[in-house]
Amino acid sequence: MSKSVLGYLKVTASPKSERDKTRAVHYNDVFRFMRDDPARLFGPGFLKPDYADLDLELEPLPYHGGPLRYTPDTDPRFKALRVLTAYAEQLAQAHAHFIDTNEGVRLQAEQQTYRWSRLF
């Protein structure tokens, strides 16, 4: 899920010339489910699909190595949170840099903020 969010946000934050190339469109649905209907992702079938109707046989490959020494044991949920918050921070810092270094961007951001504050 974090890969889908990152892919979607990277394309969304890119220039229009890149967005028009319809890159990473395979992330769109997962991102929209997470944003609009997260229960759908955690319901039956998405994270744990049911392959019973495929009549598959489990034939695992034997592992001949020893215990892992250099791979830390991580929880994928916490890794996803770390990755997503780090990327959100990078986007925010890039946005702040553009506002600080470009007068036109600063004026546009102020106009957008003014519009939003007027809505409430």
PDB file of N, CA and C in Angstrom:
ATOM      1  N   MET A   1       0.817  -1.183   0.000  1.00  0.00           N
ATOM      2  CA  MET A   1       0.000   0.000   0.000  1.00  0.00           C
ATOM      3  C   MET A   1       0.866   1.254   0.000  1.00  0.00           C
ATOM      4  N   SER A   2       1.980   1.218   0.731  1.00  0.00           N
ATOM      5  CA  SER A   2       2.834   2.406   0.747  1.00  0.00           C
ATOM      6  C   SER A   2       3.422   2.674  -0.633  1.00  0.00           C
ATOM      7  N   LYS A   3       3.721   1.614  -1.370  1.00  0.00           N
ATOM      8  CA  LYS A   3       4.256   1.791  -2.724  1.00  0.00           C
ATOM      9  C   LYS A   3       3.218   2.480  -3.616  1.00  0.00           C
ATOM     10  N   SER A   4       1.973   2.123  -3.454  1.00  0.00           N
ATOM     11  CA  SER A   4       0.911   2.759  -4.242  1.00  0.00           C
ATOM     12  C   SER A   4       0.770   4.232  -3.888  1.00  0.00           C
ATOM     13  N   VAL A   5       0.825   4.553  -2.596  1.00  0.00           N
ATOM     14  CA  VAL A   5       0.710   5.950  -2.180  1.00  0.00           C
ATOM     15  C   VAL A   5       1.895   6.751  -2.699  1.00  0.00           C
ATOM     16  N   LEU A   6       3.110   6.216  -2.543  1.00  0.00           N
ATOM     17  CA  LEU A   6       4.290   6.929  -3.024  1.00  0.00           C
ATOM     18  C   LEU A   6       4.244   7.141  -4.535  1.00  0.00           C
ATOM     19  N   GLY A   7       3.894   6.083  -5.260  1.00  0.00           N
ATOM     20  CA  GLY A   7       3.821   6.210  -6.714  1.00  0.00           C
ATOM     21  C   GLY A   7       2.802   7.243  -7.145  1.00  0.00           C
ATOM     22  N   TYR A   8       1.650   7.220  -6.521  1.00  0.00           N
ATOM     23  CA  TYR A   8       0.594   8.179  -6.863  1.00  0.00           C
ATOM     24  C   TYR A   8       1.037   9.607  -6.532  1.00  0.00           C
ATOM     25  N   LEU A   9       1.598   9.805  -5.336  1.00  0.00           N
ATOM     26  CA  LEU A   9       1.998  11.155  -4.928  1.00  0.00           C
ATOM     27  C   LEU A   9       3.154  11.683  -5.760  1.00  0.00           C
ATOM     28  N   LYS A  10       4.098  10.827  -6.131  1.00  0.00           N
ATOM     29  CA  LYS A  10       5.216  11.288  -6.956  1.00  0.00           C
ATOM     30  C   LYS A  10       4.723  11.784  -8.306  1.00  0.00           C
ATOM     31  N   VAL A  11       3.794  11.061  -8.895  1.00  0.00           N
ATOM     32  CA  VAL A  11       3.261  11.495 -10.184  1.00  0.00           C
ATOM     33  C   VAL A  11       2.416  12.754 -10.005  1.00  0.00           C
ATOM     34  N   THR A  12       1.609  12.802  -8.963  1.00  0.00           N
ATOM     35  CA  THR A  12       0.760  13.963  -8.717  1.00  0.00           C
ATOM     36  C   THR A  12       1.591  15.217  -8.468  1.00  0.00           C
ATOM     37  N   ALA A  13       2.751  15.066  -7.826  1.00  0.00           N
ATOM     38  CA  ALA A  13       3.615  16.212  -7.528  1.00  0.00           C
ATOM     39  C   ALA A  13       4.526  16.594  -8.686  1.00  0.00           C
ATOM     40  N   SER A  14       4.507  15.838  -9.759  1.00  0.00           N
ATOM     41  CA  SER A  14       5.404  16.102 -10.888  1.00  0.00           C
ATOM     42  C   SER A  14       4.792  17.144 -11.824  1.00  0.00           C
ATOM     43  N   PRO A  15       5.591  17.694 -12.724  1.00  0.00           N
ATOM     44  CA  PRO A  15       5.080  18.677 -13.688  1.00  0.00           C
ATOM     45  C   PRO A  15       4.006  18.069 -14.599  1.00  0.00           C
ATOM     46  N   LYS A  16       3.187  18.931 -15.150  1.00  0.00           N
ATOM     47  CA  LYS A  16       2.085  18.491 -16.009  1.00  0.00           C
ATOM     48  C   LYS A  16       2.582  17.635 -17.170  1.00  0.00           C
ATOM     49  N   SER A  17       3.747  17.959 -17.699  1.00  0.00           N
ATOM     50  CA  SER A  17       4.278  17.181 -18.820  1.00  0.00           C
ATOM     51  C   SER A  17       4.468  15.718 -18.440  1.00  0.00           C
ATOM     52  N   GLU A  18       4.808  15.446 -17.191  1.00  0.00           N
ATOM     53  CA  GLU A  18       4.949  14.063 -16.727  1.00  0.00           C
ATOM     54  C   GLU A  18       3.596  13.451 -16.397  1.00  0.00           C
ATOM     55  N   ARG A  19       2.722  14.230 -15.768  1.00  0.00           N
ATOM     56  CA  ARG A  19       1.390  13.710 -15.425  1.00  0.00           C
ATOM     57  C   ARG A  19       0.616  13.304 -16.673  1.00  0.00           C
ATOM     58  N   ASP A  20       0.824  14.028 -17.767  1.00  0.00           N
ATOM     59  CA  ASP A  20       0.127  13.726 -19.015  1.00  0.00           C
ATOM     60  C   ASP A  20       0.574  12.417 -19.639  1.00  0.00           C
ATOM     61  N   LYS A  21       1.697  11.878 -19.214  1.00  0.00           N
ATOM     62  CA  LYS A  21       2.203  10.619 -19.769  1.00  0.00           C
ATOM     63  C   LYS A  21       1.516   9.410 -19.137  1.00  0.00           C
ATOM     64  N   THR A  22       0.601   9.643 -18.238  1.00  0.00           N
ATOM     65  CA  THR A  22      -0.162   8.597 -17.536  1.00  0.00           C
ATOM     66  C   THR A  22       0.755   7.509 -16.979  1.00  0.00           C
ATOM     67  N   ARG A  23       1.789   7.941 -16.300  1.00  0.00           N
ATOM     68  CA  ARG A  23       2.693   6.997 -15.646  1.00  0.00           C
ATOM     69  C   ARG A  23       2.091   6.561 -14.317  1.00  0.00           C
ATOM     70  N   ALA A  24       2.388   5.377 -13.918  1.00  0.00           N
ATOM     71  CA  ALA A  24       2.000   4.846 -12.606  1.00  0.00           C
ATOM     72  C   ALA A  24       0.488   4.831 -12.395  1.00  0.00           C
ATOM     73  N   VAL A  25      -0.277   4.660 -13.450  1.00  0.00           N
ATOM     74  CA  VAL A  25      -1.738   4.637 -13.296  1.00  0.00           C
ATOM     75  C   VAL A  25      -2.204   3.412 -12.516  1.00  0.00           C
ATOM     76  N   HIS A  26      -1.367   2.394 -12.419  1.00  0.00           N
ATOM     77  CA  HIS A  26      -1.744   1.198 -11.674  1.00  0.00           C
ATOM     78  C   HIS A  26      -1.807   1.469 -10.169  1.00  0.00           C
ATOM     79  N   TYR A  27      -1.313   2.615  -9.715  1.00  0.00           N
ATOM     80  CA  TYR A  27      -1.409   2.970  -8.303  1.00  0.00           C
ATOM     81  C   TYR A  27      -2.707   3.715  -7.976  1.00  0.00           C
ATOM     82  N   ASN A  28      -3.386   4.231  -8.965  1.00  0.00           N
ATOM     83  CA  ASN A  28      -4.521   5.116  -8.733  1.00  0.00           C
ATOM     84  C   ASN A  28      -5.629   4.484  -7.899  1.00  0.00           C
ATOM     85  N   ASP A  29      -6.045   3.284  -8.237  1.00  0.00           N
ATOM     86  CA  ASP A  29      -7.164   2.664  -7.519  1.00  0.00           C
ATOM     87  C   ASP A  29      -6.824   2.407  -6.059  1.00  0.00           C
ATOM     88  N   VAL A  30      -5.637   1.880  -5.786  1.00  0.00           N
ATOM     89  CA  VAL A  30      -5.270   1.601  -4.396  1.00  0.00           C
ATOM     90  C   VAL A  30      -5.217   2.910  -3.609  1.00  0.00           C
ATOM     91  N   PHE A  31      -4.649   3.963  -4.200  1.00  0.00           N
ATOM     92  CA  PHE A  31      -4.600   5.252  -3.512  1.00  0.00           C
ATOM     93  C   PHE A  31      -6.016   5.760  -3.225  1.00  0.00           C
ATOM     94  N   ARG A  32      -6.877   5.691  -4.210  1.00  0.00           N
ATOM     95  CA  ARG A  32      -8.255   6.188  -4.019  1.00  0.00           C
ATOM     96  C   ARG A  32      -9.010   5.362  -2.983  1.00  0.00           C
ATOM     97  N   PHE A  33      -8.801   4.051  -2.969  1.00  0.00           N
ATOM     98  CA  PHE A  33      -9.434   3.220  -1.925  1.00  0.00           C
ATOM     99  C   PHE A  33      -8.938   3.643  -0.549  1.00  0.00           C
ATOM    100  N   MET A  34      -7.634   3.866  -0.418  1.00  0.00           N
ATOM    101  CA  MET A  34      -7.088   4.267   0.875  1.00  0.00           C
ATOM    102  C   MET A  34      -7.650   5.617   1.299  1.00  0.00           C
ATOM    103  N   ARG A  35      -7.807   6.514   0.348  1.00  0.00           N
ATOM    104  CA  ARG A  35      -8.302   7.854   0.658  1.00  0.00           C
ATOM    105  C   ARG A  35      -9.807   7.871   0.903  1.00  0.00           C
ATOM    106  N   ASP A  36     -10.569   7.183   0.061  1.00  0.00           N
ATOM    107  CA  ASP A  36     -12.023   7.313   0.077  1.00  0.00           C
ATOM    108  C   ASP A  36     -12.754   6.179   0.776  1.00  0.00           C
ATOM    109  N   ASP A  37     -12.214   4.977   0.743  1.00  0.00           N
ATOM    110  CA  ASP A  37     -12.916   3.819   1.296  1.00  0.00           C
ATOM    111  C   ASP A  37     -11.918   2.786   1.804  1.00  0.00           C
ATOM    112  N   PRO A  38     -11.164   3.120   2.869  1.00  0.00           N
ATOM    113  CA  PRO A  38     -10.123   2.196   3.330  1.00  0.00           C
ATOM    114  C   PRO A  38     -10.666   0.844   3.783  1.00  0.00           C
ATOM    115  N   ALA A  39     -11.914   0.785   4.188  1.00  0.00           N
ATOM    116  CA  ALA A  39     -12.483  -0.500   4.609  1.00  0.00           C
ATOM    117  C   ALA A  39     -12.446  -1.511   3.467  1.00  0.00           C
ATOM    118  N   ARG A  40     -12.534  -1.028   2.250  1.00  0.00           N
ATOM    119  CA  ARG A  40     -12.497  -1.919   1.081  1.00  0.00           C
ATOM    120  C   ARG A  40     -11.154  -2.654   0.978  1.00  0.00           C
ATOM    121  N   LEU A  41     -10.079  -1.973   1.378  1.00  0.00           N
ATOM    122  CA  LEU A  41      -8.767  -2.606   1.316  1.00  0.00           C
ATOM    123  C   LEU A  41      -8.595  -3.684   2.376  1.00  0.00           C
ATOM    124  N   PHE A  42      -9.244  -3.502   3.511  1.00  0.00           N
ATOM    125  CA  PHE A  42      -9.073  -4.445   4.606  1.00  0.00           C
ATOM    126  C   PHE A  42     -10.183  -5.481   4.659  1.00  0.00           C
ATOM    127  N   GLY A  43     -11.092  -5.412   3.712  1.00  0.00           N
ATOM    128  CA  GLY A  43     -12.143  -6.417   3.624  1.00  0.00           C
ATOM    129  C   GLY A  43     -11.608  -7.691   3.003  1.00  0.00           C
ATOM    130  N   PRO A  44     -12.473  -8.682   2.852  1.00  0.00           N
ATOM    131  CA  PRO A  44     -12.017  -9.947   2.272  1.00  0.00           C
ATOM    132  C   PRO A  44     -11.571  -9.780   0.818  1.00  0.00           C
ATOM    133  N   GLY A  45     -10.504 -10.454   0.493  1.00  0.00           N
ATOM    134  CA  GLY A  45     -10.093 -10.535  -0.901  1.00  0.00           C
ATOM    135  C   GLY A  45      -8.969  -9.631  -1.335  1.00  0.00           C
ATOM    136  N   PHE A  46      -8.750  -8.485  -0.674  1.00  0.00           N
ATOM    137  CA  PHE A  46      -7.721  -7.582  -1.183  1.00  0.00           C
ATOM    138  C   PHE A  46      -6.349  -7.924  -0.611  1.00  0.00           C
ATOM    139  N   LEU A  47      -6.183  -7.816   0.700  1.00  0.00           N
ATOM    140  CA  LEU A  47      -4.883  -8.113   1.290  1.00  0.00           C
ATOM    141  C   LEU A  47      -4.617  -9.613   1.383  1.00  0.00           C
ATOM    142  N   LYS A  48      -5.686 -10.383   1.535  1.00  0.00           N
ATOM    143  CA  LYS A  48      -5.545 -11.842   1.603  1.00  0.00           C
ATOM    144  C   LYS A  48      -6.501 -12.466   0.596  1.00  0.00           C
ATOM    145  N   PRO A  49      -6.099 -12.494  -0.666  1.00  0.00           N
ATOM    146  CA  PRO A  49      -6.991 -13.062  -1.676  1.00  0.00           C
ATOM    147  C   PRO A  49      -7.223 -14.553  -1.451  1.00  0.00           C
ATOM    148  N   ASP A  50      -8.372 -15.003  -1.858  1.00  0.00           N
ATOM    149  CA  ASP A  50      -8.736 -16.418  -1.709  1.00  0.00           C
ATOM    150  C   ASP A  50      -8.473 -17.119  -3.037  1.00  0.00           C
ATOM    151  N   TYR A  51      -7.522 -18.043  -3.023  1.00  0.00           N
ATOM    152  CA  TYR A  51      -7.154 -18.760  -4.237  1.00  0.00           C
ATOM    153  C   TYR A  51      -7.719 -20.180  -4.246  1.00  0.00           C
ATOM    154  N   ALA A  52      -8.697 -20.433  -3.417  1.00  0.00           N
ATOM    155  CA  ALA A  52      -9.227 -21.790  -3.294  1.00  0.00           C
ATOM    156  C   ALA A  52      -9.765 -22.321  -4.623  1.00  0.00           C
ATOM    157  N   ASP A  53     -10.359 -21.464  -5.406  1.00  0.00           N
ATOM    158  CA  ASP A  53     -10.944 -21.919  -6.666  1.00  0.00           C
ATOM    159  C   ASP A  53      -9.883 -22.211  -7.740  1.00  0.00           C
ATOM    160  N   LEU A  54      -8.617 -21.875  -7.503  1.00  0.00           N
ATOM    161  CA  LEU A  54      -7.561 -22.127  -8.481  1.00  0.00           C
ATOM    162  C   LEU A  54      -6.929 -23.508  -8.335  1.00  0.00           C
ATOM    163  N   ASP A  55      -7.230 -24.225  -7.273  1.00  0.00           N
ATOM    164  CA  ASP A  55      -6.716 -25.570  -7.037  1.00  0.00           C
ATOM    165  C   ASP A  55      -5.188 -25.606  -7.133  1.00  0.00           C
ATOM    166  N   LEU A  56      -4.536 -24.762  -6.343  1.00  0.00           N
ATOM    167  CA  LEU A  56      -3.079 -24.675  -6.353  1.00  0.00           C
ATOM    168  C   LEU A  56      -2.471 -25.688  -5.395  1.00  0.00           C
ATOM    169  N   GLU A  57      -1.240 -26.098  -5.686  1.00  0.00           N
ATOM    170  CA  GLU A  57      -0.490 -26.978  -4.787  1.00  0.00           C
ATOM    171  C   GLU A  57       0.664 -26.199  -4.193  1.00  0.00           C
ATOM    172  N   LEU A  58       0.873 -26.358  -2.903  1.00  0.00           N
ATOM    173  CA  LEU A  58       1.976 -25.698  -2.228  1.00  0.00           C
ATOM    174  C   LEU A  58       3.234 -26.537  -2.402  1.00  0.00           C
ATOM    175  N   GLU A  59       4.231 -25.985  -3.096  1.00  0.00           N
ATOM    176  CA  GLU A  59       5.505 -26.666  -3.302  1.00  0.00           C
ATOM    177  C   GLU A  59       6.631 -25.697  -2.974  1.00  0.00           C
ATOM    178  N   PRO A  60       6.870 -25.454  -1.668  1.00  0.00           N
ATOM    179  CA  PRO A  60       7.914 -24.485  -1.315  1.00  0.00           C
ATOM    180  C   PRO A  60       9.307 -24.993  -1.659  1.00  0.00           C
ATOM    181  N   LEU A  61      10.188 -24.055  -1.979  1.00  0.00           N
ATOM    182  CA  LEU A  61      11.588 -24.391  -2.227  1.00  0.00           C
ATOM    183  C   LEU A  61      12.289 -24.582  -0.886  1.00  0.00           C
ATOM    184  N   PRO A  62      13.175 -25.546  -0.795  1.00  0.00           N
ATOM    185  CA  PRO A  62      13.883 -25.738   0.473  1.00  0.00           C
ATOM    186  C   PRO A  62      14.887 -24.613   0.701  1.00  0.00           C
ATOM    187  N   TYR A  63      15.015 -24.178   1.949  1.00  0.00           N
ATOM    188  CA  TYR A  63      15.973 -23.137   2.316  1.00  0.00           C
ATOM    189  C   TYR A  63      17.209 -23.816   2.882  1.00  0.00           C
ATOM    190  N   HIS A  64      18.365 -23.585   2.262  1.00  0.00           N
ATOM    191  CA  HIS A  64      19.599 -24.237   2.671  1.00  0.00           C
ATOM    192  C   HIS A  64      20.562 -23.283   3.370  1.00  0.00           C
ATOM    193  N   GLY A  65      20.133 -22.035   3.586  1.00  0.00           N
ATOM    194  CA  GLY A  65      20.996 -21.067   4.247  1.00  0.00           C
ATOM    195  C   GLY A  65      20.851 -21.108   5.752  1.00  0.00           C
ATOM    196  N   GLY A  66      21.640 -20.292   6.399  1.00  0.00           N
ATOM    197  CA  GLY A  66      21.584 -20.195   7.852  1.00  0.00           C
ATOM    198  C   GLY A  66      20.662 -19.069   8.277  1.00  0.00           C
ATOM    199  N   PRO A  67      20.709 -18.709   9.534  1.00  0.00           N
ATOM    200  CA  PRO A  67      19.877 -17.603  10.010  1.00  0.00           C
ATOM    201  C   PRO A  67      20.317 -16.291   9.359  1.00  0.00           C
ATOM    202  N   LEU A  68      19.388 -15.410   9.142  1.00  0.00           N
ATOM    203  CA  LEU A  68      19.705 -14.116   8.545  1.00  0.00           C
ATOM    204  C   LEU A  68      20.485 -13.276   9.551  1.00  0.00           C
ATOM    205  N   ARG A  69      21.576 -12.679   9.082  1.00  0.00           N
ATOM    206  CA  ARG A  69      22.420 -11.891   9.971  1.00  0.00           C
ATOM    207  C   ARG A  69      22.313 -10.393   9.724  1.00  0.00           C
ATOM    208  N   TYR A  70      22.012  -9.985   8.498  1.00  0.00           N
ATOM    209  CA  TYR A  70      22.053  -8.569   8.146  1.00  0.00           C
ATOM    210  C   TYR A  70      20.688  -7.996   7.803  1.00  0.00           C
ATOM    211  N   THR A  71      19.658  -8.779   7.863  1.00  0.00           N
ATOM    212  CA  THR A  71      18.313  -8.323   7.553  1.00  0.00           C
ATOM    213  C   THR A  71      17.544  -8.140   8.852  1.00  0.00           C
ATOM    214  N   PRO A  72      17.239  -6.886   9.206  1.00  0.00           N
ATOM    215  CA  PRO A  72      16.512  -6.684  10.455  1.00  0.00           C
ATOM    216  C   PRO A  72      15.066  -7.173  10.337  1.00  0.00           C
ATOM    217  N   ASP A  73      14.548  -7.659  11.430  1.00  0.00           N
ATOM    218  CA  ASP A  73      13.160  -8.091  11.480  1.00  0.00           C
ATOM    219  C   ASP A  73      12.305  -6.834  11.588  1.00  0.00           C
ATOM    220  N   THR A  74      11.464  -6.588  10.597  1.00  0.00           N
ATOM    221  CA  THR A  74      10.660  -5.367  10.596  1.00  0.00           C
ATOM    222  C   THR A  74       9.187  -5.703  10.442  1.00  0.00           C
ATOM    223  N   ASP A  75       8.370  -4.815  10.934  1.00  0.00           N
ATOM    224  CA  ASP A  75       6.925  -4.924  10.786  1.00  0.00           C
ATOM    225  C   ASP A  75       6.554  -4.096   9.557  1.00  0.00           C
ATOM    226  N   PRO A  76       5.955  -4.695   8.542  1.00  0.00           N
ATOM    227  CA  PRO A  76       5.666  -3.943   7.311  1.00  0.00           C
ATOM    228  C   PRO A  76       4.720  -2.769   7.529  1.00  0.00           C
ATOM    229  N   ARG A  77       3.860  -2.836   8.542  1.00  0.00           N
ATOM    230  CA  ARG A  77       2.952  -1.712   8.801  1.00  0.00           C
ATOM    231  C   ARG A  77       3.747  -0.495   9.262  1.00  0.00           C
ATOM    232  N   PHE A  78       4.731  -0.726  10.148  1.00  0.00           N
ATOM    233  CA  PHE A  78       5.529   0.391  10.640  1.00  0.00           C
ATOM    234  C   PHE A  78       6.455   0.914   9.548  1.00  0.00           C
ATOM    235  N   LYS A  79       6.954   0.025   8.718  1.00  0.00           N
ATOM    236  CA  LYS A  79       7.798   0.456   7.600  1.00  0.00           C
ATOM    237  C   LYS A  79       6.990   1.354   6.668  1.00  0.00           C
ATOM    238  N   ALA A  80       5.759   0.981   6.387  1.00  0.00           N
ATOM    239  CA  ALA A  80       4.904   1.792   5.513  1.00  0.00           C
ATOM    240  C   ALA A  80       4.688   3.180   6.115  1.00  0.00           C
ATOM    241  N   LEU A  81       4.442   3.242   7.415  1.00  0.00           N
ATOM    242  CA  LEU A  81       4.256   4.547   8.067  1.00  0.00           C
ATOM    243  C   LEU A  81       5.521   5.392   7.982  1.00  0.00           C
ATOM    244  N   ARG A  82       6.681   4.768   8.216  1.00  0.00           N
ATOM    245  CA  ARG A  82       7.940   5.508   8.139  1.00  0.00           C
ATOM    246  C   ARG A  82       8.170   6.049   6.733  1.00  0.00           C
ATOM    247  N   VAL A  83       7.970   5.204   5.738  1.00  0.00           N
ATOM    248  CA  VAL A  83       8.205   5.605   4.349  1.00  0.00           C
ATOM    249  C   VAL A  83       7.257   6.729   3.946  1.00  0.00           C
ATOM    250  N   LEU A  84       5.987   6.586   4.281  1.00  0.00           N
ATOM    251  CA  LEU A  84       5.001   7.584   3.871  1.00  0.00           C
ATOM    252  C   LEU A  84       5.210   8.922   4.580  1.00  0.00           C
ATOM    253  N   THR A  85       5.500   8.891   5.865  1.00  0.00           N
ATOM    254  CA  THR A  85       5.713  10.160   6.558  1.00  0.00           C
ATOM    255  C   THR A  85       7.001  10.837   6.088  1.00  0.00           C
ATOM    256  N   ALA A  86       8.033  10.062   5.793  1.00  0.00           N
ATOM    257  CA  ALA A  86       9.271  10.648   5.276  1.00  0.00           C
ATOM    258  C   ALA A  86       9.025  11.309   3.921  1.00  0.00           C
ATOM    259  N   TYR A  87       8.249  10.663   3.065  1.00  0.00           N
ATOM    260  CA  TYR A  87       7.979  11.252   1.752  1.00  0.00           C
ATOM    261  C   TYR A  87       7.084  12.484   1.881  1.00  0.00           C
ATOM    262  N   ALA A  88       6.096  12.434   2.763  1.00  0.00           N
ATOM    263  CA  ALA A  88       5.238  13.600   2.986  1.00  0.00           C
ATOM    264  C   ALA A  88       6.072  14.786   3.468  1.00  0.00           C
ATOM    265  N   GLU A  89       7.049  14.507   4.326  1.00  0.00           N
ATOM    266  CA  GLU A  89       7.935  15.566   4.800  1.00  0.00           C
ATOM    267  C   GLU A  89       8.755  16.140   3.647  1.00  0.00           C
ATOM    268  N   GLN A  90       9.271  15.286   2.768  1.00  0.00           N
ATOM    269  CA  GLN A  90      10.033  15.765   1.607  1.00  0.00           C
ATOM    270  C   GLN A  90       9.176  16.646   0.710  1.00  0.00           C
ATOM    271  N   LEU A  91       7.931  16.235   0.478  1.00  0.00           N
ATOM    272  CA  LEU A  91       7.032  17.052  -0.347  1.00  0.00           C
ATOM    273  C   LEU A  91       6.777  18.416   0.303  1.00  0.00           C
ATOM    274  N   ALA A  92       6.544  18.401   1.610  1.00  0.00           N
ATOM    275  CA  ALA A  92       6.295  19.659   2.312  1.00  0.00           C
ATOM    276  C   ALA A  92       7.516  20.566   2.254  1.00  0.00           C
ATOM    277  N   GLN A  93       8.716  19.997   2.420  1.00  0.00           N
ATOM    278  CA  GLN A  93       9.940  20.795   2.360  1.00  0.00           C
ATOM    279  C   GLN A  93      10.158  21.361   0.955  1.00  0.00           C
ATOM    280  N   ALA A  94       9.865  20.569  -0.067  1.00  0.00           N
ATOM    281  CA  ALA A  94       9.996  21.063  -1.447  1.00  0.00           C
ATOM    282  C   ALA A  94       9.005  22.197  -1.695  1.00  0.00           C
ATOM    283  N   HIS A  95       7.796  22.050  -1.197  1.00  0.00           N
ATOM    284  CA  HIS A  95       6.778  23.092  -1.338  1.00  0.00           C
ATOM    285  C   HIS A  95       7.245  24.378  -0.639  1.00  0.00           C
ATOM    286  N   ALA A  96       7.762  24.233   0.577  1.00  0.00           N
ATOM    287  CA  ALA A  96       8.250  25.399   1.314  1.00  0.00           C
ATOM    288  C   ALA A  96       9.409  26.061   0.570  1.00  0.00           C
ATOM    289  N   HIS A  97      10.290  25.269  -0.014  1.00  0.00           N
ATOM    290  CA  HIS A  97      11.422  25.822  -0.773  1.00  0.00           C
ATOM    291  C   HIS A  97      10.919  26.644  -1.958  1.00  0.00           C
ATOM    292  N   PHE A  98       9.927  26.119  -2.692  1.00  0.00           N
ATOM    293  CA  PHE A  98       9.394  26.863  -3.836  1.00  0.00           C
ATOM    294  C   PHE A  98       8.753  28.170  -3.387  1.00  0.00           C
ATOM    295  N   ILE A  99       8.050  28.147  -2.271  1.00  0.00           N
ATOM    296  CA  ILE A  99       7.428  29.370  -1.762  1.00  0.00           C
ATOM    297  C   ILE A  99       8.491  30.379  -1.343  1.00  0.00           C
ATOM    298  N   ASP A 100       9.549  29.893  -0.701  1.00  0.00           N
ATOM    299  CA  ASP A 100      10.596  30.782  -0.208  1.00  0.00           C
ATOM    300  C   ASP A 100      11.454  31.360  -1.327  1.00  0.00           C
ATOM    301  N   THR A 101      11.600  30.655  -2.435  1.00  0.00           N
ATOM    302  CA  THR A 101      12.549  31.085  -3.473  1.00  0.00           C
ATOM    303  C   THR A 101      11.891  31.617  -4.733  1.00  0.00           C
ATOM    304  N   ASN A 102      10.581  31.583  -4.831  1.00  0.00           N
ATOM    305  CA  ASN A 102       9.910  32.021  -6.053  1.00  0.00           C
ATOM    306  C   ASN A 102       8.733  32.912  -5.685  1.00  0.00           C
ATOM    307  N   GLU A 103       8.842  34.182  -6.036  1.00  0.00           N
ATOM    308  CA  GLU A 103       7.799  35.149  -5.688  1.00  0.00           C
ATOM    309  C   GLU A 103       6.440  34.779  -6.283  1.00  0.00           C
ATOM    310  N   GLY A 104       6.429  34.294  -7.523  1.00  0.00           N
ATOM    311  CA  GLY A 104       5.166  33.910  -8.158  1.00  0.00           C
ATOM    312  C   GLY A 104       4.488  32.753  -7.431  1.00  0.00           C
ATOM    313  N   VAL A 105       5.274  31.775  -7.039  1.00  0.00           N
ATOM    314  CA  VAL A 105       4.721  30.635  -6.301  1.00  0.00           C
ATOM    315  C   VAL A 105       4.201  31.097  -4.947  1.00  0.00           C
ATOM    316  N   ARG A 106       4.938  31.988  -4.283  1.00  0.00           N
ATOM    317  CA  ARG A 106       4.498  32.500  -2.983  1.00  0.00           C
ATOM    318  C   ARG A 106       3.164  33.218  -3.103  1.00  0.00           C
ATOM    319  N   LEU A 107       3.020  34.052  -4.135  1.00  0.00           N
ATOM    320  CA  LEU A 107       1.764  34.776  -4.327  1.00  0.00           C
ATOM    321  C   LEU A 107       0.609  33.817  -4.616  1.00  0.00           C
ATOM    322  N   GLN A 108       0.871  32.800  -5.434  1.00  0.00           N
ATOM    323  CA  GLN A 108      -0.176  31.809  -5.715  1.00  0.00           C
ATOM    324  C   GLN A 108      -0.570  31.064  -4.448  1.00  0.00           C
ATOM    325  N   ALA A 109       0.410  30.690  -3.641  1.00  0.00           N
ATOM    326  CA  ALA A 109       0.111  29.975  -2.392  1.00  0.00           C
ATOM    327  C   ALA A 109      -0.696  30.861  -1.455  1.00  0.00           C
ATOM    328  N   GLU A 110      -0.356  32.144  -1.378  1.00  0.00           N
ATOM    329  CA  GLU A 110      -1.118  33.054  -0.528  1.00  0.00           C
ATOM    330  C   GLU A 110      -2.545  33.199  -1.030  1.00  0.00           C
ATOM    331  N   GLN A 111      -2.731  33.266  -2.351  1.00  0.00           N
ATOM    332  CA  GLN A 111      -4.085  33.361  -2.904  1.00  0.00           C
ATOM    333  C   GLN A 111      -4.889  32.105  -2.594  1.00  0.00           C
ATOM    334  N   GLN A 112      -4.265  30.942  -2.719  1.00  0.00           N
ATOM    335  CA  GLN A 112      -4.961  29.687  -2.410  1.00  0.00           C
ATOM    336  C   GLN A 112      -5.344  29.638  -0.935  1.00  0.00           C
ATOM    337  N   THR A 113      -4.438  30.059  -0.075  1.00  0.00           N
ATOM    338  CA  THR A 113      -4.715  30.072   1.361  1.00  0.00           C
ATOM    339  C   THR A 113      -5.854  31.030   1.663  1.00  0.00           C
ATOM    340  N   TYR A 114      -5.859  32.159   1.006  1.00  0.00           N
ATOM    341  CA  TYR A 114      -6.926  33.139   1.209  1.00  0.00           C
ATOM    342  C   TYR A 114      -8.264  32.548   0.801  1.00  0.00           C
ATOM    343  N   ARG A 115      -8.289  31.859  -0.342  1.00  0.00           N
ATOM    344  CA  ARG A 115      -9.533  31.229  -0.794  1.00  0.00           C
ATOM    345  C   ARG A 115     -10.024  30.205   0.206  1.00  0.00           C
ATOM    346  N   TRP A 116      -9.116  29.376   0.709  1.00  0.00           N
ATOM    347  CA  TRP A 116      -9.516  28.338   1.653  1.00  0.00           C
ATOM    348  C   TRP A 116     -10.042  28.934   2.941  1.00  0.00           C
ATOM    349  N   SER A 117      -9.382  29.966   3.435  1.00  0.00           N
ATOM    350  CA  SER A 117      -9.836  30.547   4.693  1.00  0.00           C
ATOM    351  C   SER A 117     -11.200  31.214   4.522  1.00  0.00           C
ATOM    352  N   ARG A 118     -11.502  31.668   3.329  1.00  0.00           N
ATOM    353  CA  ARG A 118     -12.793  32.287   3.071  1.00  0.00           C
ATOM    354  C   ARG A 118     -13.911  31.250   3.032  1.00  0.00           C
ATOM    355  N   LEU A 119     -13.584  30.005   2.718  1.00  0.00           N
ATOM    356  CA  LEU A 119     -14.614  28.953   2.685  1.00  0.00           C
ATOM    357  C   LEU A 119     -15.158  28.658   4.062  1.00  0.00           C
ATOM    358  N   PHE A 120     -14.351  28.840   5.073  1.00  0.00           N
ATOM    359  CA  PHE A 120     -14.760  28.495   6.435  1.00  0.00           C
ATOM    360  C   PHE A 120     -15.114  29.739   7.171  1.00  0.00           C
TER     361      PHE A 120
END
